[in-house]
Each structure stands twice: as structure tokens, then as C-alpha cells.
Amino acid sequence: MTLSGTEPGADTGELVEGAPAPPRMNLPRMIGFGLIGVTGILPNLAGLWLLTTAGLHYLAAEIVANQFGVLWNFLLIEMLLFRDRRRHRHWADRVTRFALLANADLLLRIPLIALLVTTLRLGALPATAVALLMTFVLRYAATEALVYHRRHGGGERPS
């Protein structure tokens, strides 16, 4: 199902032949993803606070601090949320994809954080928390589709 609520090919009445079905939004899994993400905000904000207190500019500090949250979230998601979807990709592939997505997310969040700080006069910590909440659904959908979506037609690979 797409965000608009229609299936691909719905305008023609049929699915595209040979194309993999898109991942379905699983509400309990999405809630778990969100809860894990909430806990990942803590290492991110702690790192941000330490780095900005040490004098690093808040945007550069956010890029570095993001890595703490990425690692934390990946480990919890691997162990608790997507245990049933680890076998089709090697762990190094999963962690690489997860880290790339999480850092690509910065391309959205950094300008958003800067906007919130300069326009709304929020501090770096609240602006980061707001930006993380605003980009949540996109991060979940991308993780589901690009890191843990099962391959079609391929065999299971060991984790």
C-alpha cells in the first residue's frame, strides 16, 4: 500500500508484472520502531550536549552525535524488532544500509534543525528532538523497505 492508500498499478487495475510487492505498513512493528527510536534520541542528545558543551557548532555536533543514536537504534532493532527478517541479508549489509539511511536522513534533518533554531529560536536539543519526530514515518518506511524487506525469488542468506 502506498501512502495515498492505493496499490501500485491501481490506476490500470493491475500490479506491475515482476515488480516486488511493496512492504506493508505493520502498525505494531512501526510502534516498536518508534519506541526504539525514542530510546535512540537519548544517546543522540547526550552526544549533542557533550559536543556543543565542548564548543563544537551545533550542526557539526549533530552529525557526529547522530552516529551514537544510529548504532544504538540498529542494535535494538536487530535484536528486538526485525529478528525474523535478518537471514536474507548479511549483517554487514544490514548495518551499512541502516547507517546510510540514517545519515541520509540528516540531509532532511540538518536544514530542518537550522530552520527551527534560526526561525523559531529553539535550542539545538529541542530542535533536534522535533526534527527526529517529524521525519519518523519516512525513516520507518525506508528501513522496512531497504534494510529488512525480504528479497523475492532469492534464497535465505545466513546472518
Protein backbone atom coordinates (compact mmCIF):
# COMPACT_ATOMS: atom_id res chain seq x y z
CA MET A 1 0.00 0.00 0.00
CA THR A 2 1.30 3.43 -0.85
CA LEU A 3 0.90 6.48 1.34
CA SER A 4 -2.10 7.51 -0.74
CA GLY A 5 -3.79 4.21 0.10
CA THR A 6 -3.68 2.71 -3.39
CA GLU A 7 -1.70 -0.21 -4.69
CA PRO A 8 0.86 0.31 -7.48
CA GLY A 9 -0.83 -0.11 -10.80
CA ALA A 10 -4.24 0.71 -9.28
CA ASP A 11 -4.84 3.27 -11.97
CA THR A 12 -4.61 0.50 -14.59
CA GLY A 13 -6.29 -2.13 -12.46
CA GLU A 14 -3.30 -4.44 -12.16
CA LEU A 15 0.08 -4.74 -10.46
CA VAL A 16 3.24 -4.32 -12.48
CA GLU A 17 4.37 -7.77 -13.66
CA GLY A 18 7.57 -8.99 -11.99
CA ALA A 19 7.85 -6.00 -9.66
CA PRO A 20 8.23 -6.89 -5.97
CA ALA A 21 5.27 -6.03 -3.80
CA PRO A 22 5.94 -3.00 -1.62
CA PRO A 23 6.31 -3.67 2.10
CA ARG A 24 3.12 -3.29 4.07
CA MET A 25 2.95 -0.95 7.00
CA ASN A 26 2.81 -3.09 10.12
CA LEU A 27 1.40 -0.88 12.90
CA PRO A 28 2.78 -2.89 15.87
CA ARG A 29 6.22 -3.01 14.23
CA MET A 30 6.02 0.72 13.46
CA ILE A 31 5.16 1.44 17.10
CA GLY A 32 8.11 -0.72 18.22
CA PHE A 33 10.34 1.13 15.76
CA GLY A 34 9.15 4.42 17.24
CA LEU A 35 9.76 3.28 20.80
CA ILE A 36 13.26 2.13 19.92
CA GLY A 37 13.79 5.46 18.16
CA VAL A 38 12.71 7.32 21.28
CA THR A 39 15.37 5.49 23.27
CA GLY A 40 17.88 6.32 20.50
CA ILE A 41 17.20 10.01 20.99
CA LEU A 42 18.94 9.76 24.36
CA PRO A 43 22.42 8.83 23.09
CA ASN A 44 21.97 11.33 20.24
CA LEU A 45 21.03 14.20 22.56
CA ALA A 46 23.68 13.22 25.14
CA GLY A 47 26.34 13.26 22.41
CA LEU A 48 24.99 16.56 21.08
CA TRP A 49 25.10 18.12 24.54
CA LEU A 50 28.65 16.90 25.17
CA LEU A 51 29.91 18.11 21.79
CA THR A 52 28.23 21.52 21.92
CA THR A 53 29.38 22.00 25.51
CA ALA A 54 32.90 21.27 24.28
CA GLY A 55 32.47 24.12 21.75
CA LEU A 56 31.56 22.31 18.53
CA HIS A 57 28.96 24.09 16.35
CA TYR A 58 25.51 22.56 16.87
CA LEU A 59 25.12 21.37 13.26
CA ALA A 60 28.52 19.66 13.13
CA ALA A 61 27.84 18.23 16.58
CA GLU A 62 24.50 16.82 15.36
CA ILE A 63 26.21 14.95 12.52
CA VAL A 64 28.66 13.32 14.95
CA ALA A 65 26.06 12.75 17.69
CA ASN A 66 23.73 11.12 15.17
CA GLN A 67 26.17 8.20 14.95
CA PHE A 68 25.58 7.33 18.62
CA GLY A 69 21.84 7.09 18.03
CA VAL A 70 22.33 5.15 14.78
CA LEU A 71 24.40 2.46 16.47
CA TRP A 72 22.04 2.24 19.44
CA ASN A 73 18.95 2.01 17.23
CA PHE A 74 20.48 -0.55 14.88
CA LEU A 75 21.43 -2.89 17.73
CA LEU A 76 17.97 -2.72 19.33
CA ILE A 77 16.13 -3.04 16.01
CA GLU A 78 18.26 -6.05 15.09
CA MET A 79 17.73 -7.78 18.42
CA LEU A 80 14.11 -6.90 19.16
CA LEU A 81 12.19 -5.83 16.09
CA PHE A 82 13.40 -7.48 12.90
CA ARG A 83 14.77 -10.78 14.21
CA ASP A 84 12.58 -12.59 11.69
CA ARG A 85 14.00 -10.62 8.75
CA ARG A 86 17.74 -10.90 9.26
CA ARG A 87 18.50 -14.06 7.32
CA HIS A 88 18.11 -12.66 3.81
CA ARG A 89 20.96 -10.15 4.16
CA HIS A 90 24.37 -10.45 5.77
CA TRP A 91 24.70 -8.38 8.97
CA ALA A 92 27.34 -6.13 7.34
CA ASP A 93 24.90 -5.35 4.51
CA ARG A 94 22.16 -4.55 7.04
CA VAL A 95 24.30 -2.28 9.19
CA THR A 96 25.67 -0.49 6.11
CA ARG A 97 22.19 0.09 4.68
CA PHE A 98 20.87 1.20 8.08
CA ALA A 99 23.75 3.64 8.60
CA LEU A 100 23.41 5.04 5.07
CA LEU A 101 19.68 5.61 5.57
CA ALA A 102 20.17 7.15 8.98
CA ASN A 103 22.81 9.51 7.65
CA ALA A 104 20.79 10.32 4.52
CA ASP A 105 18.07 11.34 6.97
CA LEU A 106 20.46 14.06 8.09
CA LEU A 107 20.03 15.68 4.67
CA LEU A 108 16.46 16.42 5.75
CA ARG A 109 17.04 16.98 9.44
CA ILE A 110 20.04 19.35 9.35
CA PRO A 111 18.23 22.06 7.34
CA LEU A 112 15.11 21.48 9.44
CA ILE A 113 17.11 21.85 12.67
CA ALA A 114 18.76 25.02 11.34
CA LEU A 115 15.33 26.40 10.41
CA LEU A 116 13.91 25.61 13.85
CA VAL A 117 16.90 27.20 15.60
CA THR A 118 17.08 30.34 13.47
CA THR A 119 13.37 30.94 12.83
CA LEU A 120 11.63 29.64 15.95
CA ARG A 121 14.61 30.30 18.22
CA LEU A 122 14.55 26.77 19.62
CA GLY A 123 17.70 25.48 21.26
CA ALA A 124 19.71 22.81 19.45
CA LEU A 125 18.41 20.00 21.69
CA PRO A 126 14.66 20.71 21.32
CA ALA A 127 15.09 21.44 17.59
CA THR A 128 16.81 18.06 17.14
CA ALA A 129 14.04 16.26 19.05
CA VAL A 130 11.34 17.97 16.94
CA ALA A 131 13.16 17.14 13.68
CA LEU A 132 13.52 13.48 14.71
CA LEU A 133 9.79 13.28 15.39
CA MET A 134 8.93 15.00 12.10
CA THR A 135 10.95 12.54 9.99
CA PHE A 136 9.89 9.37 11.84
CA VAL A 137 7.49 7.82 9.29
CA LEU A 138 9.95 8.33 6.45
CA ARG A 139 12.73 6.61 8.44
CA TYR A 140 10.47 3.67 9.30
CA ALA A 141 9.27 3.17 5.73
CA ALA A 142 12.80 3.39 4.32
CA THR A 143 14.19 0.96 6.92
CA GLU A 144 11.37 -1.51 6.29
CA ALA A 145 11.79 -1.33 2.51
CA LEU A 146 15.55 -1.01 2.06
CA VAL A 147 17.09 -2.86 5.01
CA TYR A 148 14.66 -5.56 6.14
CA HIS A 149 12.34 -6.18 3.17
CA ARG A 150 12.64 -9.82 2.09
CA ARG A 151 14.04 -10.50 -1.35
CA HIS A 152 11.68 -12.21 -3.76
CA GLY A 153 12.91 -15.30 -5.53
CA GLY A 154 16.22 -15.35 -3.69
CA GLY A 155 17.26 -17.85 -1.12
CA GLU A 156 17.76 -17.11 2.53
CA ARG A 157 21.24 -15.99 3.48
CA PRO A 158 22.82 -16.55 6.86
CA SER A 159 23.09 -13.59 9.20
